Amino acid sequence: MNEEELKKRLEALRIEHRDLDAAIDALTAAGATDQLQIARLKKRKLKLKDQISMVEDYLIPDIIA
């Protein structure tokens, strides 16, 4: 992937992460009793966070001090 594709991928991941956060908040606020669904959403959110970190690492060069 080139840098432009990585930036697009990063933005898509961030949007999905934000959407999951909103969904989790909405389910929690509504008093959802399906804790398994909430746990799955949180797990997916953590995976997205890891993917975001990996893409950011590719985009930001290492600084050698």
C-alpha atoms as a PDB file:
ATOM      1  CA  MET A   1       0.000   0.000   0.000  1.00  0.00           C
ATOM      2  CA  ASN A   2       1.190   3.494  -0.712  1.00  0.00           C
ATOM      3  CA  GLU A   3       1.016   6.398   1.723  1.00  0.00           C
ATOM      4  CA  GLU A   4      -2.253   7.765   0.332  1.00  0.00           C
ATOM      5  CA  GLU A   5      -3.985   4.382   0.665  1.00  0.00           C
ATOM      6  CA  LEU A   6      -2.700   4.070   4.227  1.00  0.00           C
ATOM      7  CA  LYS A   7      -4.104   7.493   5.097  1.00  0.00           C
ATOM      8  CA  LYS A   8      -7.505   6.519   3.671  1.00  0.00           C
ATOM      9  CA  ARG A   9      -7.398   3.231   5.592  1.00  0.00           C
ATOM     10  CA  LEU A  10      -6.470   5.083   8.776  1.00  0.00           C
ATOM     11  CA  GLU A  11      -9.399   7.461   8.392  1.00  0.00           C
ATOM     12  CA  ALA A  12     -11.816   4.571   7.765  1.00  0.00           C
ATOM     13  CA  LEU A  13     -10.548   2.775  10.867  1.00  0.00           C
ATOM     14  CA  ARG A  14     -10.944   5.908  12.975  1.00  0.00           C
ATOM     15  CA  ILE A  15     -14.503   6.404  11.744  1.00  0.00           C
ATOM     16  CA  GLU A  16     -15.415   2.801  12.519  1.00  0.00           C
ATOM     17  CA  HIS A  17     -13.803   3.110  15.960  1.00  0.00           C
ATOM     18  CA  ARG A  18     -15.798   6.276  16.671  1.00  0.00           C
ATOM     19  CA  ASP A  19     -19.024   4.622  15.462  1.00  0.00           C
ATOM     20  CA  LEU A  20     -18.441   1.636  17.724  1.00  0.00           C
ATOM     21  CA  ASP A  21     -17.847   3.964  20.632  1.00  0.00           C
ATOM     22  CA  ALA A  22     -21.169   5.676  19.949  1.00  0.00           C
ATOM     23  CA  ALA A  23     -22.954   2.329  19.629  1.00  0.00           C
ATOM     24  CA  ILE A  24     -21.522   1.102  22.924  1.00  0.00           C
ATOM     25  CA  ASP A  25     -22.537   4.335  24.642  1.00  0.00           C
ATOM     26  CA  ALA A  26     -26.048   4.116  23.194  1.00  0.00           C
ATOM     27  CA  LEU A  27     -26.502   0.510  24.299  1.00  0.00           C
ATOM     28  CA  THR A  28     -25.203   1.285  27.768  1.00  0.00           C
ATOM     29  CA  ALA A  29     -27.383   4.385  28.112  1.00  0.00           C
ATOM     30  CA  ALA A  30     -30.446   2.451  26.962  1.00  0.00           C
ATOM     31  CA  GLY A  31     -29.840  -0.069  29.725  1.00  0.00           C
ATOM     32  CA  ALA A  32     -29.142  -2.908  27.327  1.00  0.00           C
ATOM     33  CA  THR A  33     -29.040  -6.216  29.098  1.00  0.00           C
ATOM     34  CA  ASP A  34     -27.141  -7.990  26.333  1.00  0.00           C
ATOM     35  CA  GLN A  35     -23.707  -7.806  27.919  1.00  0.00           C
ATOM     36  CA  LEU A  36     -22.332 -10.284  25.397  1.00  0.00           C
ATOM     37  CA  GLN A  37     -23.112  -7.914  22.527  1.00  0.00           C
ATOM     38  CA  ILE A  38     -21.513  -5.009  24.368  1.00  0.00           C
ATOM     39  CA  ALA A  39     -18.434  -7.129  25.113  1.00  0.00           C
ATOM     40  CA  ARG A  40     -18.146  -8.090  21.433  1.00  0.00           C
ATOM     41  CA  LEU A  41     -18.367  -4.453  20.383  1.00  0.00           C
ATOM     42  CA  LYS A  42     -15.692  -3.508  22.909  1.00  0.00           C
ATOM     43  CA  LYS A  43     -13.441  -6.307  21.663  1.00  0.00           C
ATOM     44  CA  ARG A  44     -13.904  -5.142  18.073  1.00  0.00           C
ATOM     45  CA  LYS A  45     -13.126  -1.594  19.199  1.00  0.00           C
ATOM     46  CA  LEU A  46      -9.845  -2.763  20.781  1.00  0.00           C
ATOM     47  CA  LYS A  47      -8.871  -4.585  17.573  1.00  0.00           C
ATOM     48  CA  LEU A  48      -9.539  -1.411  15.608  1.00  0.00           C
ATOM     49  CA  LYS A  49      -7.366   0.557  18.033  1.00  0.00           C
ATOM     50  CA  ASP A  50      -4.529  -1.918  17.411  1.00  0.00           C
ATOM     51  CA  GLN A  51      -4.961  -1.602  13.649  1.00  0.00           C
ATOM     52  CA  ILE A  52      -4.972   2.194  13.927  1.00  0.00           C
ATOM     53  CA  SER A  53      -1.717   2.052  15.875  1.00  0.00           C
ATOM     54  CA  MET A  54      -0.108  -0.214  13.277  1.00  0.00           C
ATOM     55  CA  VAL A  55      -1.067   2.059  10.383  1.00  0.00           C
ATOM     56  CA  GLU A  56       0.134   5.126  12.293  1.00  0.00           C
ATOM     57  CA  ASP A  57       3.466   3.380  12.905  1.00  0.00           C
ATOM     58  CA  TYR A  58       3.840   2.840   9.149  1.00  0.00           C
ATOM     59  CA  LEU A  59       3.018   6.479   8.394  1.00  0.00           C
ATOM     60  CA  ILE A  60       5.186   8.073  11.085  1.00  0.00           C
ATOM     61  CA  PRO A  61       8.856   7.371  10.509  1.00  0.00           C
ATOM     62  CA  ASP A  62      11.060   6.324  13.406  1.00  0.00           C
ATOM     63  CA  ILE A  63      13.101   9.142  14.854  1.00  0.00           C
ATOM     64  CA  ILE A  64      16.665   8.154  15.569  1.00  0.00           C
ATOM     65  CA  ALA A  65      18.005  10.293  18.381  1.00  0.00           C
END
